[in-house]
PDB file of N, CA and C in Angstrom:
ATOM      1  N   MET A   1     -55.964  -5.958   1.132  1.00  0.00           N
ATOM      2  CA  MET A   1     -55.084  -5.975   2.278  1.00  0.00           C
ATOM      3  C   MET A   1     -53.794  -6.741   1.971  1.00  0.00           C
ATOM      4  N   LYS A   2     -53.904  -7.841   1.176  1.00  0.00           N
ATOM      5  CA  LYS A   2     -52.722  -8.617   0.825  1.00  0.00           C
ATOM      6  C   LYS A   2     -51.770  -7.787  -0.025  1.00  0.00           C
ATOM      7  N   LYS A   3     -52.315  -6.961  -0.935  1.00  0.00           N
ATOM      8  CA  LYS A   3     -51.475  -6.112  -1.787  1.00  0.00           C
ATOM      9  C   LYS A   3     -50.732  -5.087  -0.936  1.00  0.00           C
ATOM     10  N   PHE A   4     -51.419  -4.528   0.055  1.00  0.00           N
ATOM     11  CA  PHE A   4     -50.797  -3.545   0.940  1.00  0.00           C
ATOM     12  C   PHE A   4     -49.652  -4.180   1.731  1.00  0.00           C
ATOM     13  N   THR A   5     -49.869  -5.360   2.284  1.00  0.00           N
ATOM     14  CA  THR A   5     -48.846  -6.055   3.067  1.00  0.00           C
ATOM     15  C   THR A   5     -47.662  -6.418   2.183  1.00  0.00           C
ATOM     16  N   PHE A   6     -47.941  -6.921   0.989  1.00  0.00           N
ATOM     17  CA  PHE A   6     -46.871  -7.277   0.061  1.00  0.00           C
ATOM     18  C   PHE A   6     -46.068  -6.040  -0.341  1.00  0.00           C
ATOM     19  N   GLY A   7     -46.743  -4.945  -0.632  1.00  0.00           N
ATOM     20  CA  GLY A   7     -46.085  -3.692  -1.011  1.00  0.00           C
ATOM     21  C   GLY A   7     -45.219  -3.149   0.118  1.00  0.00           C
ATOM     22  N   LEU A   8     -45.742  -3.190   1.346  1.00  0.00           N
ATOM     23  CA  LEU A   8     -44.984  -2.726   2.506  1.00  0.00           C
ATOM     24  C   LEU A   8     -43.735  -3.577   2.712  1.00  0.00           C
ATOM     25  N   ALA A   9     -43.867  -4.885   2.570  1.00  0.00           N
ATOM     26  CA  ALA A   9     -42.720  -5.785   2.724  1.00  0.00           C
ATOM     27  C   ALA A   9     -41.661  -5.491   1.658  1.00  0.00           C
ATOM     28  N   ALA A  10     -42.086  -5.239   0.432  1.00  0.00           N
ATOM     29  CA  ALA A  10     -41.145  -4.938  -0.654  1.00  0.00           C
ATOM     30  C   ALA A  10     -40.389  -3.639  -0.375  1.00  0.00           C
ATOM     31  N   ILE A  11     -41.086  -2.632   0.125  1.00  0.00           N
ATOM     32  CA  ILE A  11     -40.437  -1.349   0.442  1.00  0.00           C
ATOM     33  C   ILE A  11     -39.421  -1.518   1.559  1.00  0.00           C
ATOM     34  N   LEU A  12     -39.780  -2.237   2.612  1.00  0.00           N
ATOM     35  CA  LEU A  12     -38.874  -2.452   3.732  1.00  0.00           C
ATOM     36  C   LEU A  12     -37.621  -3.219   3.300  1.00  0.00           C
ATOM     37  N   LEU A  13     -37.789  -4.216   2.475  1.00  0.00           N
ATOM     38  CA  LEU A  13     -36.642  -4.980   1.993  1.00  0.00           C
ATOM     39  C   LEU A  13     -35.723  -4.136   1.120  1.00  0.00           C
ATOM     40  N   SER A  14     -36.296  -3.313   0.255  1.00  0.00           N
ATOM     41  CA  SER A  14     -35.450  -2.500  -0.622  1.00  0.00           C
ATOM     42  C   SER A  14     -34.700  -1.429   0.144  1.00  0.00           C
ATOM     43  N   THR A  15     -35.294  -0.828   1.169  1.00  0.00           N
ATOM     44  CA  THR A  15     -34.579   0.199   1.941  1.00  0.00           C
ATOM     45  C   THR A  15     -33.485  -0.417   2.798  1.00  0.00           C
ATOM     46  N   SER A  16     -33.703  -1.621   3.326  1.00  0.00           N
ATOM     47  CA  SER A  16     -32.649  -2.247   4.125  1.00  0.00           C
ATOM     48  C   SER A  16     -31.467  -2.618   3.238  1.00  0.00           C
ATOM     49  N   ALA A  17     -31.709  -3.010   1.990  1.00  0.00           N
ATOM     50  CA  ALA A  17     -30.620  -3.314   1.062  1.00  0.00           C
ATOM     51  C   ALA A  17     -29.827  -2.051   0.740  1.00  0.00           C
ATOM     52  N   ALA A  18     -30.493  -0.918   0.604  1.00  0.00           N
ATOM     53  CA  ALA A  18     -29.803   0.343   0.317  1.00  0.00           C
ATOM     54  C   ALA A  18     -28.917   0.746   1.484  1.00  0.00           C
ATOM     55  N   PHE A  19     -29.379   0.575   2.710  1.00  0.00           N
ATOM     56  CA  PHE A  19     -28.565   0.908   3.882  1.00  0.00           C
ATOM     57  C   PHE A  19     -27.354  -0.015   3.986  1.00  0.00           C
ATOM     58  N   ALA A  20     -27.518  -1.270   3.675  1.00  0.00           N
ATOM     59  CA  ALA A  20     -26.419  -2.227   3.761  1.00  0.00           C
ATOM     60  C   ALA A  20     -25.317  -1.879   2.767  1.00  0.00           C
ATOM     61  N   GLN A  21     -25.675  -1.357   1.592  1.00  0.00           N
ATOM     62  CA  GLN A  21     -24.685  -1.032   0.580  1.00  0.00           C
ATOM     63  C   GLN A  21     -23.898   0.224   0.925  1.00  0.00           C
ATOM     64  N   SER A  22     -24.447   1.113   1.703  1.00  0.00           N
ATOM     65  CA  SER A  22     -23.754   2.363   1.995  1.00  0.00           C
ATOM     66  C   SER A  22     -22.852   2.276   3.214  1.00  0.00           C
ATOM     67  N   GLU A  23     -22.810   1.135   3.881  1.00  0.00           N
ATOM     68  CA  GLU A  23     -21.967   1.000   5.061  1.00  0.00           C
ATOM     69  C   GLU A  23     -20.501   0.991   4.652  1.00  0.00           C
ATOM     70  N   THR A  24     -19.672   1.715   5.383  1.00  0.00           N
ATOM     71  CA  THR A  24     -18.255   1.793   5.098  1.00  0.00           C
ATOM     72  C   THR A  24     -17.574   0.505   5.546  1.00  0.00           C
ATOM     73  N   PRO A  25     -16.772  -0.126   4.653  1.00  0.00           N
ATOM     74  CA  PRO A  25     -16.085  -1.351   5.061  1.00  0.00           C
ATOM     75  C   PRO A  25     -15.072  -1.063   6.153  1.00  0.00           C
ATOM     76  N   LYS A  26     -14.902  -2.006   7.028  1.00  0.00           N
ATOM     77  CA  LYS A  26     -13.951  -1.859   8.132  1.00  0.00           C
ATOM     78  C   LYS A  26     -12.748  -2.753   7.865  1.00  0.00           C
ATOM     79  N   THR A  27     -11.545  -2.241   8.168  1.00  0.00           N
ATOM     80  CA  THR A  27     -10.339  -3.038   8.009  1.00  0.00           C
ATOM     81  C   THR A  27      -9.546  -2.997   9.296  1.00  0.00           C
ATOM     82  N   SER A  28      -8.689  -3.957   9.464  1.00  0.00           N
ATOM     83  CA  SER A  28      -7.843  -3.989  10.648  1.00  0.00           C
ATOM     84  C   SER A  28      -6.493  -3.343  10.378  1.00  0.00           C
ATOM     85  N   GLN A  29      -6.204  -3.035   9.116  1.00  0.00           N
ATOM     86  CA  GLN A  29      -4.919  -2.455   8.758  1.00  0.00           C
ATOM     87  C   GLN A  29      -4.909  -0.970   9.114  1.00  0.00           C
ATOM     88  N   THR A  30      -3.873  -0.525   9.787  1.00  0.00           N
ATOM     89  CA  THR A  30      -3.797   0.868  10.205  1.00  0.00           C
ATOM     90  C   THR A  30      -2.850   1.682   9.342  1.00  0.00           C
ATOM     91  N   THR A  31      -2.165   1.046   8.415  1.00  0.00           N
ATOM     92  CA  THR A  31      -1.263   1.769   7.527  1.00  0.00           C
ATOM     93  C   THR A  31      -1.779   1.684   6.107  1.00  0.00           C
ATOM     94  N   PRO A  32      -1.609   2.736   5.315  1.00  0.00           N
ATOM     95  CA  PRO A  32      -2.123   2.715   3.944  1.00  0.00           C
ATOM     96  C   PRO A  32      -1.325   1.772   3.064  1.00  0.00           C
ATOM     97  N   ALA A  33      -1.946   1.354   1.975  1.00  0.00           N
ATOM     98  CA  ALA A  33      -1.272   0.463   1.035  1.00  0.00           C
ATOM     99  C   ALA A  33      -0.123   1.165   0.339  1.00  0.00           C
ATOM    100  N   VAL A  34      -0.303   2.432   0.027  1.00  0.00           N
ATOM    101  CA  VAL A  34       0.750   3.192  -0.641  1.00  0.00           C
ATOM    102  C   VAL A  34       0.931   4.514   0.078  1.00  0.00           C
ATOM    103  N   ASN A  35       2.164   4.859   0.337  1.00  0.00           N
ATOM    104  CA  ASN A  35       2.501   6.097   1.017  1.00  0.00           C
ATOM    105  C   ASN A  35       2.326   7.259   0.047  1.00  0.00           C
ATOM    106  N   THR A  36       1.397   8.163   0.352  1.00  0.00           N
ATOM    107  CA  THR A  36       1.181   9.326  -0.509  1.00  0.00           C
ATOM    108  C   THR A  36       1.467  10.630   0.222  1.00  0.00           C
ATOM    109  N   SER A  37       1.861  10.553   1.471  1.00  0.00           N
ATOM    110  CA  SER A  37       2.064  11.763   2.264  1.00  0.00           C
ATOM    111  C   SER A  37       3.420  12.405   2.035  1.00  0.00           C
ATOM    112  N   GLY A  38       4.355  11.681   1.424  1.00  0.00           N
ATOM    113  CA  GLY A  38       5.700  12.212   1.248  1.00  0.00           C
ATOM    114  C   GLY A  38       6.576  11.951   2.452  1.00  0.00           C
ATOM    115  N   GLU A  39       6.018  11.415   3.518  1.00  0.00           N
ATOM    116  CA  GLU A  39       6.782  11.084   4.718  1.00  0.00           C
ATOM    117  C   GLU A  39       6.984   9.585   4.776  1.00  0.00           C
ATOM    118  N   THR A  40       8.111   9.174   5.337  1.00  0.00           N
ATOM    119  CA  THR A  40       8.395   7.754   5.477  1.00  0.00           C
ATOM    120  C   THR A  40       7.740   7.225   6.732  1.00  0.00           C
ATOM    121  N   ASN A  41       7.090   6.094   6.627  1.00  0.00           N
ATOM    122  CA  ASN A  41       6.500   5.421   7.777  1.00  0.00           C
ATOM    123  C   ASN A  41       7.626   5.126   8.764  1.00  0.00           C
ATOM    124  N   PRO A  42       7.473   5.496  10.043  1.00  0.00           N
ATOM    125  CA  PRO A  42       8.549   5.259  11.017  1.00  0.00           C
ATOM    126  C   PRO A  42       8.895   3.779  11.180  1.00  0.00           C
ATOM    127  N   GLY A  43       7.984   2.886  10.837  1.00  0.00           N
ATOM    128  CA  GLY A  43       8.247   1.454  10.937  1.00  0.00           C
ATOM    129  C   GLY A  43       8.792   0.855   9.655  1.00  0.00           C
ATOM    130  N   ALA A  44       9.150   1.690   8.701  1.00  0.00           N
ATOM    131  CA  ALA A  44       9.605   1.219   7.391  1.00  0.00           C
ATOM    132  C   ALA A  44      10.970   0.559   7.501  1.00  0.00           C
ATOM    133  N   PRO A  45      11.264  -0.415   6.684  1.00  0.00           N
ATOM    134  CA  PRO A  45      10.385  -0.945   5.648  1.00  0.00           C
ATOM    135  C   PRO A  45       9.327  -1.882   6.240  1.00  0.00           C
ATOM    136  N   VAL A  46       8.127  -1.800   5.684  1.00  0.00           N
ATOM    137  CA  VAL A  46       6.994  -2.579   6.161  1.00  0.00           C
ATOM    138  C   VAL A  46       6.843  -3.821   5.280  1.00  0.00           C
ATOM    139  N   ALA A  47       6.807  -4.992   5.919  1.00  0.00           N
ATOM    140  CA  ALA A  47       6.637  -6.242   5.176  1.00  0.00           C
ATOM    141  C   ALA A  47       5.216  -6.321   4.634  1.00  0.00           C
ATOM    142  N   GLY A  48       5.071  -6.856   3.442  1.00  0.00           N
ATOM    143  CA  GLY A  48       3.755  -7.021   2.835  1.00  0.00           C
ATOM    144  C   GLY A  48       3.881  -7.335   1.364  1.00  0.00           C
ATOM    145  N   LYS A  49       2.786  -7.773   0.774  1.00  0.00           N
ATOM    146  CA  LYS A  49       2.788  -8.144  -0.646  1.00  0.00           C
ATOM    147  C   LYS A  49       3.093  -6.915  -1.488  1.00  0.00           C
ATOM    148  N   ASN A  50       4.151  -6.977  -2.258  1.00  0.00           N
ATOM    149  CA  ASN A  50       4.640  -5.849  -3.039  1.00  0.00           C
ATOM    150  C   ASN A  50       4.247  -6.021  -4.500  1.00  0.00           C
ATOM    151  N   SER A  51       3.620  -5.005  -5.067  1.00  0.00           N
ATOM    152  CA  SER A  51       3.190  -5.084  -6.466  1.00  0.00           C
ATOM    153  C   SER A  51       4.105  -4.320  -7.420  1.00  0.00           C
ATOM    154  N   PHE A  52       5.177  -3.715  -6.902  1.00  0.00           N
ATOM    155  CA  PHE A  52       6.109  -3.008  -7.778  1.00  0.00           C
ATOM    156  C   PHE A  52       6.900  -4.021  -8.605  1.00  0.00           C
ATOM    157  N   THR A  53       7.053  -3.738  -9.887  1.00  0.00           N
ATOM    158  CA  THR A  53       7.947  -4.546 -10.713  1.00  0.00           C
ATOM    159  C   THR A  53       9.383  -4.121 -10.399  1.00  0.00           C
ATOM    160  N   GLU A  54      10.347  -4.877 -10.873  1.00  0.00           N
ATOM    161  CA  GLU A  54      11.745  -4.529 -10.638  1.00  0.00           C
ATOM    162  C   GLU A  54      12.069  -3.160 -11.237  1.00  0.00           C
ATOM    163  N   ALA A  55      11.572  -2.897 -12.443  1.00  0.00           N
ATOM    164  CA  ALA A  55      11.823  -1.604 -13.092  1.00  0.00           C
ATOM    165  C   ALA A  55      11.179  -0.458 -12.305  1.00  0.00           C
ATOM    166  N   GLN A  56       9.955  -0.669 -11.811  1.00  0.00           N
ATOM    167  CA  GLN A  56       9.286   0.367 -11.023  1.00  0.00           C
ATOM    168  C   GLN A  56      10.029   0.621  -9.716  1.00  0.00           C
ATOM    169  N   ALA A  57      10.489  -0.451  -9.076  1.00  0.00           N
ATOM    170  CA  ALA A  57      11.215  -0.312  -7.810  1.00  0.00           C
ATOM    171  C   ALA A  57      12.496   0.491  -8.019  1.00  0.00           C
ATOM    172  N   LYS A  58      13.253   0.147  -9.055  1.00  0.00           N
ATOM    173  CA  LYS A  58      14.500   0.867  -9.325  1.00  0.00           C
ATOM    174  C   LYS A  58      14.207   2.328  -9.644  1.00  0.00           C
ATOM    175  N   SER A  59      13.183   2.565 -10.428  1.00  0.00           N
ATOM    176  CA  SER A  59      12.816   3.935 -10.788  1.00  0.00           C
ATOM    177  C   SER A  59      12.437   4.754  -9.563  1.00  0.00           C
ATOM    178  N   ARG A  60      11.647   4.176  -8.654  1.00  0.00           N
ATOM    179  CA  ARG A  60      11.237   4.892  -7.439  1.00  0.00           C
ATOM    180  C   ARG A  60      12.429   5.212  -6.550  1.00  0.00           C
ATOM    181  N   ILE A  61      13.356   4.259  -6.445  1.00  0.00           N
ATOM    182  CA  ILE A  61      14.553   4.478  -5.627  1.00  0.00           C
ATOM    183  C   ILE A  61      15.396   5.598  -6.235  1.00  0.00           C
ATOM    184  N   GLU A  62      15.566   5.577  -7.547  1.00  0.00           N
ATOM    185  CA  GLU A  62      16.348   6.625  -8.210  1.00  0.00           C
ATOM    186  C   GLU A  62      15.651   7.978  -8.119  1.00  0.00           C
ATOM    187  N   GLU A  63      14.321   8.003  -8.227  1.00  0.00           N
ATOM    188  CA  GLU A  63      13.583   9.266  -8.104  1.00  0.00           C
ATOM    189  C   GLU A  63      13.717   9.856  -6.697  1.00  0.00           C
ATOM    190  N   ALA A  64      14.009   9.015  -5.715  1.00  0.00           N
ATOM    191  CA  ALA A  64      14.203   9.481  -4.342  1.00  0.00           C
ATOM    192  C   ALA A  64      15.618  10.020  -4.126  1.00  0.00           C
ATOM    193  N   GLY A  65      16.434  10.044  -5.187  1.00  0.00           N
ATOM    194  CA  GLY A  65      17.758  10.646  -5.103  1.00  0.00           C
ATOM    195  C   GLY A  65      18.909   9.668  -4.954  1.00  0.00           C
ATOM    196  N   TYR A  66      18.648   8.372  -5.081  1.00  0.00           N
ATOM    197  CA  TYR A  66      19.713   7.372  -4.961  1.00  0.00           C
ATOM    198  C   TYR A  66      20.349   7.133  -6.315  1.00  0.00           C
ATOM    199  N   THR A  67      21.659   6.942  -6.320  1.00  0.00           N
ATOM    200  CA  THR A  67      22.405   6.645  -7.540  1.00  0.00           C
ATOM    201  C   THR A  67      23.124   5.317  -7.341  1.00  0.00           C
ATOM    202  N   GLU A  68      23.731   4.834  -8.403  1.00  0.00           N
ATOM    203  CA  GLU A  68      24.490   3.576  -8.360  1.00  0.00           C
ATOM    204  C   GLU A  68      23.663   2.448  -7.743  1.00  0.00           C
ATOM    205  N   VAL A  69      22.378   2.392  -8.083  1.00  0.00           N
ATOM    206  CA  VAL A  69      21.489   1.358  -7.554  1.00  0.00           C
ATOM    207  C   VAL A  69      21.849   0.033  -8.221  1.00  0.00           C
ATOM    208  N   SER A  70      22.202  -0.961  -7.401  1.00  0.00           N
ATOM    209  CA  SER A  70      22.614  -2.255  -7.951  1.00  0.00           C
ATOM    210  C   SER A  70      22.158  -3.398  -7.049  1.00  0.00           C
ATOM    211  N   GLY A  71      22.119  -4.590  -7.622  1.00  0.00           N
ATOM    212  CA  GLY A  71      21.770  -5.785  -6.861  1.00  0.00           C
ATOM    213  C   GLY A  71      20.338  -5.799  -6.354  1.00  0.00           C
ATOM    214  N   LEU A  72      19.424  -5.218  -7.103  1.00  0.00           N
ATOM    215  CA  LEU A  72      18.024  -5.106  -6.669  1.00  0.00           C
ATOM    216  C   LEU A  72      17.355  -6.477  -6.648  1.00  0.00           C
ATOM    217  N   LYS A  73      16.835  -6.867  -5.490  1.00  0.00           N
ATOM    218  CA  LYS A  73      16.165  -8.161  -5.323  1.00  0.00           C
ATOM    219  C   LYS A  73      14.951  -7.996  -4.417  1.00  0.00           C
ATOM    220  N   LEU A  74      13.899  -8.756  -4.692  1.00  0.00           N
ATOM    221  CA  LEU A  74      12.700  -8.789  -3.850  1.00  0.00           C
ATOM    222  C   LEU A  74      12.894  -9.892  -2.827  1.00  0.00           C
ATOM    223  N   ASP A  75      12.844  -9.542  -1.515  1.00  0.00           N
ATOM    224  CA  ASP A  75      13.053 -10.573  -0.494  1.00  0.00           C
ATOM    225  C   ASP A  75      11.746 -11.286  -0.137  1.00  0.00           C
ATOM    226  N   ASP A  76      11.828 -12.245   0.772  1.00  0.00           N
ATOM    227  CA  ASP A  76      10.662 -13.059   1.124  1.00  0.00           C
ATOM    228  C   ASP A  76       9.619 -12.309   1.943  1.00  0.00           C
ATOM    229  N   GLN A  77       9.912 -11.081   2.356  1.00  0.00           N
ATOM    230  CA  GLN A  77       8.946 -10.248   3.082  1.00  0.00           C
ATOM    231  C   GLN A  77       8.274  -9.224   2.175  1.00  0.00           C
ATOM    232  N   GLY A  78       8.583  -9.278   0.879  1.00  0.00           N
ATOM    233  CA  GLY A  78       7.982  -8.353  -0.078  1.00  0.00           C
ATOM    234  C   GLY A  78       8.672  -7.000  -0.120  1.00  0.00           C
ATOM    235  N   ILE A  79       9.933  -6.944   0.293  1.00  0.00           N
ATOM    236  CA  ILE A  79      10.690  -5.687   0.312  1.00  0.00           C
ATOM    237  C   ILE A  79      11.778  -5.755  -0.756  1.00  0.00           C
ATOM    238  N   TRP A  80      11.802  -4.726  -1.620  1.00  0.00           N
ATOM    239  CA  TRP A  80      12.864  -4.626  -2.621  1.00  0.00           C
ATOM    240  C   TRP A  80      14.112  -4.114  -1.911  1.00  0.00           C
ATOM    241  N   ARG A  81      15.229  -4.802  -2.079  1.00  0.00           N
ATOM    242  CA  ARG A  81      16.496  -4.424  -1.440  1.00  0.00           C
ATOM    243  C   ARG A  81      17.584  -4.281  -2.497  1.00  0.00           C
ATOM    244  N   ALA A  82      18.427  -3.275  -2.305  1.00  0.00           N
ATOM    245  CA  ALA A  82      19.511  -3.012  -3.245  1.00  0.00           C
ATOM    246  C   ALA A  82      20.628  -2.277  -2.512  1.00  0.00           C
ATOM    247  N   MET A  83      21.706  -2.033  -3.225  1.00  0.00           N
ATOM    248  CA  MET A  83      22.782  -1.167  -2.754  1.00  0.00           C
ATOM    249  C   MET A  83      22.645   0.137  -3.527  1.00  0.00           C
ATOM    250  N   GLY A  84      22.909   1.250  -2.849  1.00  0.00           N
ATOM    251  CA  GLY A  84      22.807   2.533  -3.522  1.00  0.00           C
ATOM    252  C   GLY A  84      23.564   3.611  -2.779  1.00  0.00           C
ATOM    253  N   THR A  85      23.672   4.766  -3.423  1.00  0.00           N
ATOM    254  CA  THR A  85      24.392   5.908  -2.860  1.00  0.00           C
ATOM    255  C   THR A  85      23.480   7.124  -2.864  1.00  0.00           C
ATOM    256  N   LYS A  86      23.498   7.857  -1.748  1.00  0.00           N
ATOM    257  CA  LYS A  86      22.758   9.116  -1.661  1.00  0.00           C
ATOM    258  C   LYS A  86      23.526  10.056  -0.740  1.00  0.00           C
ATOM    259  N   ASP A  87      23.689  11.292  -1.189  1.00  0.00           N
ATOM    260  CA  ASP A  87      24.410  12.302  -0.412  1.00  0.00           C
ATOM    261  C   ASP A  87      25.802  11.811   0.011  1.00  0.00           C
ATOM    262  N   GLY A  88      26.462  11.083  -0.896  1.00  0.00           N
ATOM    263  CA  GLY A  88      27.811  10.606  -0.624  1.00  0.00           C
ATOM    264  C   GLY A  88      27.892   9.399   0.287  1.00  0.00           C
ATOM    265  N   LYS A  89      26.759   8.873   0.723  1.00  0.00           N
ATOM    266  CA  LYS A  89      26.745   7.703   1.611  1.00  0.00           C
ATOM    267  C   LYS A  89      26.282   6.488   0.818  1.00  0.00           C
ATOM    268  N   HIS A  90      27.028   5.393   0.945  1.00  0.00           N
ATOM    269  CA  HIS A  90      26.714   4.148   0.240  1.00  0.00           C
ATOM    270  C   HIS A  90      26.182   3.137   1.251  1.00  0.00           C
ATOM    271  N   GLY A  91      25.096   2.446   0.910  1.00  0.00           N
ATOM    272  CA  GLY A  91      24.559   1.454   1.831  1.00  0.00           C
ATOM    273  C   GLY A  91      23.396   0.678   1.250  1.00  0.00           C
ATOM    274  N   ASN A  92      22.752  -0.087   2.118  1.00  0.00           N
ATOM    275  CA  ASN A  92      21.595  -0.897   1.730  1.00  0.00           C
ATOM    276  C   ASN A  92      20.353  -0.018   1.648  1.00  0.00           C
ATOM    277  N   VAL A  93      19.635  -0.129   0.546  1.00  0.00           N
ATOM    278  CA  VAL A  93      18.414   0.627   0.320  1.00  0.00           C
ATOM    279  C   VAL A  93      17.250  -0.354   0.279  1.00  0.00           C
ATOM    280  N   ALA A  94      16.126   0.025   0.889  1.00  0.00           N
ATOM    281  CA  ALA A  94      14.943  -0.831   0.892  1.00  0.00           C
ATOM    282  C   ALA A  94      13.721  -0.040   0.444  1.00  0.00           C
ATOM    283  N   LEU A  95      12.864  -0.685  -0.345  1.00  0.00           N
ATOM    284  CA  LEU A  95      11.600  -0.111  -0.802  1.00  0.00           C
ATOM    285  C   LEU A  95      10.501  -1.093  -0.430  1.00  0.00           C
ATOM    286  N   ASP A  96       9.535  -0.639   0.399  1.00  0.00           N
ATOM    287  CA  ASP A  96       8.454  -1.539   0.795  1.00  0.00           C
ATOM    288  C   ASP A  96       7.211  -1.316  -0.066  1.00  0.00           C
ATOM    289  N   PHE A  97       6.174  -2.094   0.197  1.00  0.00           N
ATOM    290  CA  PHE A  97       4.959  -2.048  -0.622  1.00  0.00           C
ATOM    291  C   PHE A  97       4.223  -0.725  -0.514  1.00  0.00           C
ATOM    292  N   GLN A  98       4.492   0.061   0.535  1.00  0.00           N
ATOM    293  CA  GLN A  98       3.854   1.367   0.704  1.00  0.00           C
ATOM    294  C   GLN A  98       4.593   2.464  -0.058  1.00  0.00           C
ATOM    295  N   GLY A  99       5.766   2.156  -0.573  1.00  0.00           N
ATOM    296  CA  GLY A  99       6.558   3.154  -1.270  1.00  0.00           C
ATOM    297  C   GLY A  99       7.591   3.815  -0.380  1.00  0.00           C
ATOM    298  N   ASN A 100       7.707   3.367   0.862  1.00  0.00           N
ATOM    299  CA  ASN A 100       8.717   3.901   1.783  1.00  0.00           C
ATOM    300  C   ASN A 100      10.091   3.453   1.341  1.00  0.00           C
ATOM    301  N   ILE A 101      11.038   4.393   1.308  1.00  0.00           N
ATOM    302  CA  ILE A 101      12.413   4.078   0.940  1.00  0.00           C
ATOM    303  C   ILE A 101      13.294   4.416   2.122  1.00  0.00           C
ATOM    304  N   THR A 102      14.082   3.429   2.555  1.00  0.00           N
ATOM    305  CA  THR A 102      14.968   3.627   3.691  1.00  0.00           C
ATOM    306  C   THR A 102      16.377   3.170   3.327  1.00  0.00           C
ATOM    307  N   MET A 103      17.339   3.681   4.076  1.00  0.00           N
ATOM    308  CA  MET A 103      18.731   3.299   3.836  1.00  0.00           C
ATOM    309  C   MET A 103      19.398   2.950   5.166  1.00  0.00           C
ATOM    310  N   ALA A 104      20.078   1.809   5.181  1.00  0.00           N
ATOM    311  CA  ALA A 104      20.880   1.402   6.339  1.00  0.00           C
ATOM    312  C   ALA A 104      22.322   1.386   5.888  1.00  0.00           C
ATOM    313  N   GLN A 105      23.179   2.028   6.644  1.00  0.00           N
ATOM    314  CA  GLN A 105      24.595   2.116   6.237  1.00  0.00           C
ATOM    315  C   GLN A 105      25.388   0.978   6.800  1.00  0.00           C
TER     316      GLN A 105
END
């Protein structure tokens, strides 16, 4: 009887551990870490820890069609800011941690 009770307890413990591992983690963040949809987040630029290097930031801005990118700096909100030109308009360009690129004239 002791072997049966011990065996039953072991089975119950192992199945509860399996269920605990398959639970989907919950987060409070409603925006993705990186924008992959091709659309700009309407709240962009979004403040947050930015992992882009200066070279990556400049490359992403240029790939988005901006030229004459200069003065690229990472601000205290984690947003890369520079001056640039696109479609004949010159202004401030921002790249956030999600990959959103915005321009203010």
